[in-house]
PDB file of all heavy atoms in Angstrom:
ATOM      1  N   SER A   1      -2.777  -2.024  -3.116  1.00  0.00           N
ATOM      2  CA  SER A   1      -2.588  -2.268  -1.662  1.00  0.00           C
ATOM      3  C   SER A   1      -3.426  -3.233  -1.166  1.00  0.00           C
ATOM      4  O   SER A   1      -3.069  -4.009  -0.180  1.00  0.00           O
ATOM      5  CB  SER A   1      -2.724  -0.854  -0.939  1.00  0.00           C
ATOM      6  OG  SER A   1      -4.114  -0.476  -0.899  1.00  0.00           O
ATOM      7  N   ARG A   2      -4.763  -3.286  -1.655  1.00  0.00           N
ATOM      8  CA  ARG A   2      -5.656  -4.163  -1.125  1.00  0.00           C
ATOM      9  C   ARG A   2      -5.231  -5.636  -1.487  1.00  0.00           C
ATOM     10  O   ARG A   2      -5.321  -6.597  -0.745  1.00  0.00           O
ATOM     11  CB  ARG A   2      -7.062  -3.999  -1.844  1.00  0.00           C
ATOM     12  CG  ARG A   2      -7.600  -2.749  -1.400  1.00  0.00           C
ATOM     13  CD  ARG A   2      -8.317  -2.689  -0.133  1.00  0.00           C
ATOM     14  NE  ARG A   2      -9.587  -3.362  -0.133  1.00  0.00           N
ATOM     15  CZ  ARG A   2     -10.577  -3.093   0.675  1.00  0.00           C
ATOM     16  NH1 ARG A   2     -10.367  -2.165   1.573  1.00  0.00           N
ATOM     17  NH2 ARG A   2     -11.783  -3.728   0.608  1.00  0.00           N
ATOM     18  N   ALA A   3      -4.689  -5.849  -2.751  1.00  0.00           N
ATOM     19  CA  ALA A   3      -4.184  -7.095  -3.164  1.00  0.00           C
ATOM     20  C   ALA A   3      -3.008  -7.564  -2.448  1.00  0.00           C
ATOM     21  O   ALA A   3      -2.872  -8.834  -2.005  1.00  0.00           O
ATOM     22  CB  ALA A   3      -3.878  -7.111  -4.651  1.00  0.00           C
ATOM     23  N   LEU A   4      -2.139  -6.707  -2.237  1.00  0.00           N
ATOM     24  CA  LEU A   4      -0.948  -7.015  -1.279  1.00  0.00           C
ATOM     25  C   LEU A   4      -1.316  -7.596   0.010  1.00  0.00           C
ATOM     26  O   LEU A   4      -0.670  -8.399   0.589  1.00  0.00           O
ATOM     27  CB  LEU A   4      -0.070  -5.772  -1.332  1.00  0.00           C
ATOM     28  CG  LEU A   4       0.755  -5.508  -2.617  1.00  0.00           C
ATOM     29  CD1 LEU A   4       1.387  -4.116  -2.504  1.00  0.00           C
ATOM     30  CD2 LEU A   4       1.868  -6.567  -2.902  1.00  0.00           C
ATOM     31  N   THR A   5      -2.295  -6.819   0.626  1.00  0.00           N
ATOM     32  CA  THR A   5      -2.716  -7.216   1.975  1.00  0.00           C
ATOM     33  C   THR A   5      -3.371  -8.631   1.949  1.00  0.00           C
ATOM     34  O   THR A   5      -3.136  -9.429   2.831  1.00  0.00           O
ATOM     35  CB  THR A   5      -3.836  -6.186   2.332  1.00  0.00           C
ATOM     36  OG1 THR A   5      -3.279  -4.944   2.497  1.00  0.00           O
ATOM     37  CG2 THR A   5      -4.326  -6.544   3.784  1.00  0.00           C
ATOM     38  N   MET A   6      -4.092  -8.952   0.919  1.00  0.00           N
ATOM     39  CA  MET A   6      -4.797 -10.351   0.750  1.00  0.00           C
ATOM     40  C   MET A   6      -3.611 -11.452   0.733  1.00  0.00           C
ATOM     41  O   MET A   6      -3.961 -12.441   1.081  1.00  0.00           O
ATOM     42  CB  MET A   6      -5.726 -10.390  -0.521  1.00  0.00           C
ATOM     43  CG  MET A   6      -6.839  -9.382  -0.364  1.00  0.00           C
ATOM     44  SD  MET A   6      -7.998  -9.674   1.055  1.00  0.00           S
ATOM     45  CE  MET A   6      -8.738 -11.269   0.461  1.00  0.00           C
ATOM     46  N   ILE A   7      -2.488 -11.116   0.220  1.00  0.00           N
ATOM     47  CA  ILE A   7      -1.404 -12.231   0.245  1.00  0.00           C
ATOM     48  C   ILE A   7      -0.334 -12.014   1.273  1.00  0.00           C
ATOM     49  O   ILE A   7       0.767 -12.405   1.132  1.00  0.00           O
ATOM     50  CB  ILE A   7      -0.880 -12.271  -1.286  1.00  0.00           C
ATOM     51  CG1 ILE A   7      -0.320 -10.986  -1.767  1.00  0.00           C
ATOM     52  CG2 ILE A   7      -1.964 -12.844  -2.187  1.00  0.00           C
ATOM     53  CD1 ILE A   7       0.384 -11.145  -3.122  1.00  0.00           C
ATOM     54  N   ASN A   8      -0.755 -11.241   2.420  1.00  0.00           N
ATOM     55  CA  ASN A   8       0.079 -11.096   3.424  1.00  0.00           C
ATOM     56  C   ASN A   8       1.419 -10.302   3.344  1.00  0.00           C
ATOM     57  O   ASN A   8       2.430 -10.551   3.836  1.00  0.00           O
ATOM     58  CB  ASN A   8       0.337 -12.372   4.209  1.00  0.00           C
ATOM     59  CG  ASN A   8      -0.955 -13.094   4.681  1.00  0.00           C
ATOM     60  OD1 ASN A   8      -1.813 -12.439   5.108  1.00  0.00           O
ATOM     61  ND2 ASN A   8      -1.049 -14.482   4.311  1.00  0.00           N
ATOM     62  N   ARG A   9       1.405  -9.371   2.319  1.00  0.00           N
ATOM     63  CA  ARG A   9       2.447  -8.558   1.933  1.00  0.00           C
ATOM     64  C   ARG A   9       2.359  -7.167   2.555  1.00  0.00           C
ATOM     65  O   ARG A   9       2.179  -6.220   1.714  1.00  0.00           O
ATOM     66  CB  ARG A   9       2.850  -8.609   0.457  1.00  0.00           C
ATOM     67  CG  ARG A   9       3.395  -9.952   0.087  1.00  0.00           C
ATOM     68  CD  ARG A   9       3.290 -10.201  -1.345  1.00  0.00           C
ATOM     69  NE  ARG A   9       4.062  -9.179  -2.247  1.00  0.00           N
ATOM     70  CZ  ARG A   9       4.173  -9.317  -3.622  1.00  0.00           C
ATOM     71  NH1 ARG A   9       3.462 -10.299  -4.205  1.00  0.00           N
ATOM     72  NH2 ARG A   9       4.810  -8.429  -4.141  1.00  0.00           N
ATOM     73  N   GLU A  10       2.107  -6.960   3.902  1.00  0.00           N
ATOM     74  CA  GLU A  10       1.549  -5.889   4.483  1.00  0.00           C
ATOM     75  C   GLU A  10       2.570  -4.650   4.219  1.00  0.00           C
ATOM     76  O   GLU A  10       2.183  -3.570   4.102  1.00  0.00           O
ATOM     77  CB  GLU A  10       1.205  -6.035   5.896  1.00  0.00           C
ATOM     78  CG  GLU A  10      -0.096  -6.761   6.043  1.00  0.00           C
ATOM     79  CD  GLU A  10       0.123  -8.226   6.231  1.00  0.00           C
ATOM     80  OE1 GLU A  10       1.270  -8.670   5.947  1.00  0.00           O
ATOM     81  OE2 GLU A  10      -0.884  -8.937   6.381  1.00  0.00           O
ATOM     82  N   SER A  11       3.830  -4.990   4.395  1.00  0.00           N
ATOM     83  CA  SER A  11       4.787  -3.969   4.450  1.00  0.00           C
ATOM     84  C   SER A  11       4.795  -3.258   2.963  1.00  0.00           C
ATOM     85  O   SER A  11       4.842  -2.037   2.870  1.00  0.00           O
ATOM     86  CB  SER A  11       6.244  -4.452   4.690  1.00  0.00           C
ATOM     87  OG  SER A  11       6.657  -5.389   3.780  1.00  0.00           O
ATOM     88  N   GLU A  12       4.622  -4.019   1.900  1.00  0.00           N
ATOM     89  CA  GLU A  12       4.561  -3.440   0.544  1.00  0.00           C
ATOM     90  C   GLU A  12       3.224  -2.697   0.391  1.00  0.00           C
ATOM     91  O   GLU A  12       3.117  -1.682  -0.287  1.00  0.00           O
ATOM     92  CB  GLU A  12       4.586  -4.540  -0.491  1.00  0.00           C
ATOM     93  CG  GLU A  12       6.121  -5.278  -0.563  1.00  0.00           C
ATOM     94  CD  GLU A  12       6.091  -6.481  -1.491  1.00  0.00           C
ATOM     95  OE1 GLU A  12       6.032  -6.251  -2.675  1.00  0.00           O
ATOM     96  OE2 GLU A  12       6.078  -7.602  -1.036  1.00  0.00           O
ATOM     97  N   ALA A  13       2.145  -3.166   1.112  1.00  0.00           N
ATOM     98  CA  ALA A  13       0.874  -2.487   1.035  1.00  0.00           C
ATOM     99  C   ALA A  13       0.978  -1.150   1.625  1.00  0.00           C
ATOM    100  O   ALA A  13       0.401  -0.210   1.094  1.00  0.00           O
ATOM    101  CB  ALA A  13      -0.241  -3.408   1.680  1.00  0.00           C
ATOM    102  N   ILE A  14       1.727  -1.147   2.750  1.00  0.00           N
ATOM    103  CA  ILE A  14       1.877   0.282   3.444  1.00  0.00           C
ATOM    104  C   ILE A  14       2.646   1.129   2.598  1.00  0.00           C
ATOM    105  O   ILE A  14       2.250   2.364   2.451  1.00  0.00           O
ATOM    106  CB  ILE A  14       2.601  -0.023   4.788  1.00  0.00           C
ATOM    107  CG1 ILE A  14       1.668  -0.729   5.764  1.00  0.00           C
ATOM    108  CG2 ILE A  14       3.055   1.247   5.376  1.00  0.00           C
ATOM    109  CD1 ILE A  14       2.431  -1.220   7.072  1.00  0.00           C
ATOM    110  N   SER A  15       3.698   0.696   1.897  1.00  0.00           N
ATOM    111  CA  SER A  15       4.540   1.581   0.998  1.00  0.00           C
ATOM    112  C   SER A  15       3.589   2.139  -0.211  1.00  0.00           C
ATOM    113  O   SER A  15       3.844   3.235  -0.609  1.00  0.00           O
ATOM    114  CB  SER A  15       5.743   0.863   0.500  1.00  0.00           C
ATOM    115  OG  SER A  15       6.580   0.345   1.438  1.00  0.00           O
ATOM    116  N   THR A  16       2.782   1.164  -0.738  1.00  0.00           N
ATOM    117  CA  THR A  16       1.969   1.668  -1.691  1.00  0.00           C
ATOM    118  C   THR A  16       0.908   2.643  -1.321  1.00  0.00           C
ATOM    119  O   THR A  16       0.594   3.611  -2.091  1.00  0.00           O
ATOM    120  CB  THR A  16       1.157   0.376  -2.217  1.00  0.00           C
ATOM    121  OG1 THR A  16       2.065  -0.573  -2.769  1.00  0.00           O
ATOM    122  CG2 THR A  16       0.289   0.763  -3.486  1.00  0.00           C
ATOM    123  N   LEU A  17       0.424   2.618  -0.006  1.00  0.00           N
ATOM    124  CA  LEU A  17      -0.552   3.505   0.389  1.00  0.00           C
ATOM    125  C   LEU A  17       0.142   4.823   0.789  1.00  0.00           C
ATOM    126  O   LEU A  17      -0.420   5.948   0.611  1.00  0.00           O
ATOM    127  CB  LEU A  17      -1.327   2.901   1.588  1.00  0.00           C
ATOM    128  CG  LEU A  17      -2.366   1.871   1.327  1.00  0.00           C
ATOM    129  CD1 LEU A  17      -2.802   1.285   2.689  1.00  0.00           C
ATOM    130  CD2 LEU A  17      -3.513   2.475   0.575  1.00  0.00           C
ATOM    131  N   GLN A  18       1.376   4.684   1.149  1.00  0.00           N
ATOM    132  CA  GLN A  18       2.123   5.964   1.443  1.00  0.00           C
ATOM    133  C   GLN A  18       2.374   6.745   0.178  1.00  0.00           C
ATOM    134  O   GLN A  18       2.215   7.941   0.143  1.00  0.00           O
ATOM    135  CB  GLN A  18       3.562   5.573   2.130  1.00  0.00           C
ATOM    136  CG  GLN A  18       3.269   5.214   3.628  1.00  0.00           C
ATOM    137  CD  GLN A  18       4.517   4.700   4.241  1.00  0.00           C
ATOM    138  OE1 GLN A  18       5.456   4.233   3.500  1.00  0.00           O
ATOM    139  NE2 GLN A  18       4.679   4.817   5.568  1.00  0.00           N
ATOM    140  N   LYS A  19       2.630   6.035  -0.960  1.00  0.00           N
ATOM    141  CA  LYS A  19       2.787   6.568  -2.229  1.00  0.00           C
ATOM    142  C   LYS A  19       1.621   7.272  -2.639  1.00  0.00           C
ATOM    143  O   LYS A  19       1.550   8.388  -3.209  1.00  0.00           O
ATOM    144  CB  LYS A  19       3.267   5.542  -3.245  1.00  0.00           C
ATOM    145  CG  LYS A  19       3.421   6.040  -4.650  1.00  0.00           C
ATOM    146  CD  LYS A  19       3.882   4.871  -5.642  1.00  0.00           C
ATOM    147  CE  LYS A  19       3.960   5.359  -7.031  1.00  0.00           C
ATOM    148  NZ  LYS A  19       5.020   6.312  -7.339  1.00  0.00           N
ATOM    149  N   LEU A  20       0.396   6.554  -2.487  1.00  0.00           N
ATOM    150  CA  LEU A  20      -1.039   7.150  -2.845  1.00  0.00           C
ATOM    151  C   LEU A  20      -1.081   8.418  -2.067  1.00  0.00           C
ATOM    152  O   LEU A  20      -1.442   9.427  -2.739  1.00  0.00           O
ATOM    153  CB  LEU A  20      -1.978   6.074  -2.495  1.00  0.00           C
ATOM    154  CG  LEU A  20      -3.379   6.541  -2.636  1.00  0.00           C
ATOM    155  CD1 LEU A  20      -3.685   7.039  -4.106  1.00  0.00           C
ATOM    156  CD2 LEU A  20      -4.396   5.488  -2.122  1.00  0.00           C
ATOM    157  N   ILE A  21      -0.895   8.476  -0.655  1.00  0.00           N
ATOM    158  CA  ILE A  21      -1.076   9.586   0.022  1.00  0.00           C
ATOM    159  C   ILE A  21      -0.204  10.823  -0.320  1.00  0.00           C
ATOM    160  O   ILE A  21      -0.611  11.931  -0.439  1.00  0.00           O
ATOM    161  CB  ILE A  21      -0.931   9.343   1.474  1.00  0.00           C
ATOM    162  CG1 ILE A  21      -2.101   8.322   1.947  1.00  0.00           C
ATOM    163  CG2 ILE A  21      -0.969  10.526   2.434  1.00  0.00           C
ATOM    164  CD1 ILE A  21      -1.784   7.697   3.429  1.00  0.00           C
ATOM    165  N   SER A  22       1.069  10.388  -0.697  1.00  0.00           N
ATOM    166  CA  SER A  22       1.953  11.459  -1.036  1.00  0.00           C
ATOM    167  C   SER A  22       1.715  12.123  -2.509  1.00  0.00           C
ATOM    168  O   SER A  22       1.845  13.305  -2.483  1.00  0.00           O
ATOM    169  CB  SER A  22       3.439  10.748  -1.088  1.00  0.00           C
ATOM    170  OG  SER A  22       4.457  11.744  -1.625  1.00  0.00           O
ATOM    171  N   GLU A  23       1.390  11.246  -3.373  1.00  0.00           N
ATOM    172  CA  GLU A  23       1.080  11.723  -4.688  1.00  0.00           C
ATOM    173  C   GLU A  23      -0.286  12.243  -4.962  1.00  0.00           C
ATOM    174  O   GLU A  23      -0.494  13.092  -5.935  1.00  0.00           O
ATOM    175  CB  GLU A  23       1.439  10.687  -5.642  1.00  0.00           C
ATOM    176  CG  GLU A  23       2.921  10.315  -5.680  1.00  0.00           C
ATOM    177  CD  GLU A  23       3.408   9.281  -6.866  1.00  0.00           C
ATOM    178  OE1 GLU A  23       2.429   8.998  -7.666  1.00  0.00           O
ATOM    179  OE2 GLU A  23       4.519   8.827  -6.743  1.00  0.00           O
ATOM    180  N   TYR A  24      -1.218  11.836  -4.201  1.00  0.00           N
ATOM    181  CA  TYR A  24      -2.533  12.159  -4.325  1.00  0.00           C
ATOM    182  C   TYR A  24      -3.173  12.697  -2.964  1.00  0.00           C
ATOM    183  O   TYR A  24      -4.129  11.870  -2.428  1.00  0.00           O
ATOM    184  CB  TYR A  24      -3.411  11.127  -4.969  1.00  0.00           C
ATOM    185  CG  TYR A  24      -2.931  10.671  -6.273  1.00  0.00           C
ATOM    186  CD1 TYR A  24      -1.990   9.669  -6.516  1.00  0.00           C
ATOM    187  CD2 TYR A  24      -3.406  11.296  -7.516  1.00  0.00           C
ATOM    188  CE1 TYR A  24      -1.565   9.302  -7.762  1.00  0.00           C
ATOM    189  CE2 TYR A  24      -3.023  10.914  -8.767  1.00  0.00           C
ATOM    190  CZ  TYR A  24      -2.052   9.940  -8.943  1.00  0.00           C
ATOM    191  OH  TYR A  24      -1.588   9.568 -10.171  1.00  0.00           O
ATOM    192  N   PRO A  25      -2.686  13.669  -2.517  1.00  0.00           N
ATOM    193  CA  PRO A  25      -3.134  14.133  -1.094  1.00  0.00           C
ATOM    194  C   PRO A  25      -4.624  14.457  -0.988  1.00  0.00           C
ATOM    195  O   PRO A  25      -5.153  14.438   0.159  1.00  0.00           O
ATOM    196  CB  PRO A  25      -2.258  15.317  -0.802  1.00  0.00           C
ATOM    197  CG  PRO A  25      -1.972  15.817  -2.250  1.00  0.00           C
ATOM    198  CD  PRO A  25      -1.862  14.676  -2.975  1.00  0.00           C
TER     199      PRO A  25
END
């Protein structure tokens, strides 16, 4: 998610963080 943010792919970063929160609450 940090790497995606650095190349301005914020929507993919959000999806990745949502997956993190969902699978590792």
